[in-house]
Protein backbone atom coordinates (compact mmCIF):
# COMPACT_ATOMS: atom_id res chain seq x y z
CA UNK A 1 12.26 -6.26 17.99
CA UNK A 2 14.01 -3.31 16.06
CA UNK A 3 12.32 -0.46 14.40
CA UNK A 4 13.83 0.93 11.13
CA UNK A 5 15.36 4.11 12.42
CA UNK A 6 15.01 6.04 9.08
CA UNK A 7 11.21 5.19 9.04
CA UNK A 8 10.82 6.34 12.71
CA UNK A 9 12.79 9.61 12.20
CA UNK A 10 11.00 10.37 8.91
CA UNK A 11 7.48 9.97 10.58
CA UNK A 12 8.58 11.83 13.72
CA UNK A 13 9.99 14.67 11.52
CA UNK A 14 6.66 14.89 9.76
CA UNK A 15 4.90 15.04 13.26
CA UNK A 16 7.19 17.84 14.11
CA UNK A 17 6.53 19.82 11.05
CA UNK A 18 2.75 19.21 11.45
CA UNK A 19 2.81 20.36 15.10
CA UNK A 20 4.75 23.56 14.14
CA UNK A 21 2.13 24.38 11.41
CA UNK A 22 -0.68 23.94 14.07
CA UNK A 23 1.22 26.05 16.55
CA UNK A 24 1.84 28.69 13.91
CA UNK A 25 -1.86 28.58 12.86
CA UNK A 26 -3.15 28.96 16.33
CA UNK A 27 -0.90 31.82 17.25
CA UNK A 28 -2.06 33.72 14.06
CA UNK A 29 -5.83 32.86 14.73
CA UNK A 30 -8.07 35.47 16.39
CA UNK A 31 -10.96 32.88 16.82
CA UNK A 32 -10.12 29.14 17.04
CA UNK A 33 -13.61 27.89 16.23
CA UNK A 34 -13.08 28.12 12.34
CA UNK A 35 -9.93 25.92 12.81
CA UNK A 36 -11.81 23.04 14.50
CA UNK A 37 -12.21 20.95 11.33
CA UNK A 38 -8.47 21.58 10.37
CA UNK A 39 -7.22 20.74 13.86
CA UNK A 40 -9.30 17.46 13.84
CA UNK A 41 -7.69 16.42 10.46
CA UNK A 42 -4.22 17.24 11.92
CA UNK A 43 -4.72 15.24 15.03
CA UNK A 44 -5.94 12.18 13.15
CA UNK A 45 -2.87 12.53 10.84
CA UNK A 46 -0.53 12.98 13.93
CA UNK A 47 -2.04 10.08 15.58
CA UNK A 48 -1.52 7.80 12.53
CA UNK A 49 2.22 8.90 12.21
CA UNK A 50 2.86 8.47 15.82
CA UNK A 51 1.02 5.13 15.80
CA UNK A 52 2.97 3.93 12.92
CA UNK A 53 6.32 4.52 14.69
CA UNK A 54 5.00 2.85 17.93
CA UNK A 55 3.77 -0.23 16.20
CA UNK A 56 6.91 -0.48 14.26
CA UNK A 57 8.54 -1.69 17.55
CA UNK A 58 5.97 -4.52 17.81
CA UNK A 59 6.36 -5.97 14.29
CA UNK A 60 9.17 -7.39 12.49
CA UNK A 61 10.79 -5.31 9.75
CA UNK A 62 9.94 -7.87 7.08
CA UNK A 63 6.23 -7.64 8.07
CA UNK A 64 6.27 -3.98 7.84
CA UNK A 65 7.91 -4.11 4.46
CA UNK A 66 5.48 -6.65 3.12
CA UNK A 67 2.42 -5.42 4.90
CA UNK A 68 -1.00 -5.34 3.17
CA UNK A 69 -3.09 -2.39 2.96
CA UNK A 70 -5.46 -3.80 5.52
CA UNK A 71 -2.48 -4.27 8.03
CA UNK A 72 -1.24 -0.85 7.37
CA UNK A 73 -4.64 0.74 7.88
CA UNK A 74 -5.04 -1.26 11.09
CA UNK A 75 -1.64 -0.12 12.44
CA UNK A 76 -2.49 3.57 11.72
CA UNK A 77 -6.29 3.71 12.48
CA UNK A 78 -7.58 6.44 14.76
CA UNK A 79 -9.44 4.89 17.72
CA UNK A 80 -13.14 4.96 17.31
CA UNK A 81 -13.84 5.04 20.91
CA UNK A 82 -11.91 8.24 21.56
CA UNK A 83 -14.34 10.99 22.19
CA UNK A 84 -13.25 14.75 21.06
CA UNK A 85 -12.82 17.18 23.83
CA UNK A 86 -14.93 19.71 21.94
CA UNK A 87 -17.99 17.55 21.00
């Protein structure tokens, strides 16, 4: 199976940009507690993008191109059984 290189790179570049933004915010913050909600949103978004790249290796390109919204949501969904560290 072959992943579309451009799709993979675009998603990984977005992940890199998001991580840089998270790091910048954490470095500037005096108190991390107010960033909890924002960080949670970033983690879910990062997971979605990384999962999209990972799953692209397991699915034929034609299926990715013609996927339904339901398939897309399934490939990108954040796991519900993953407990947050700071609960």
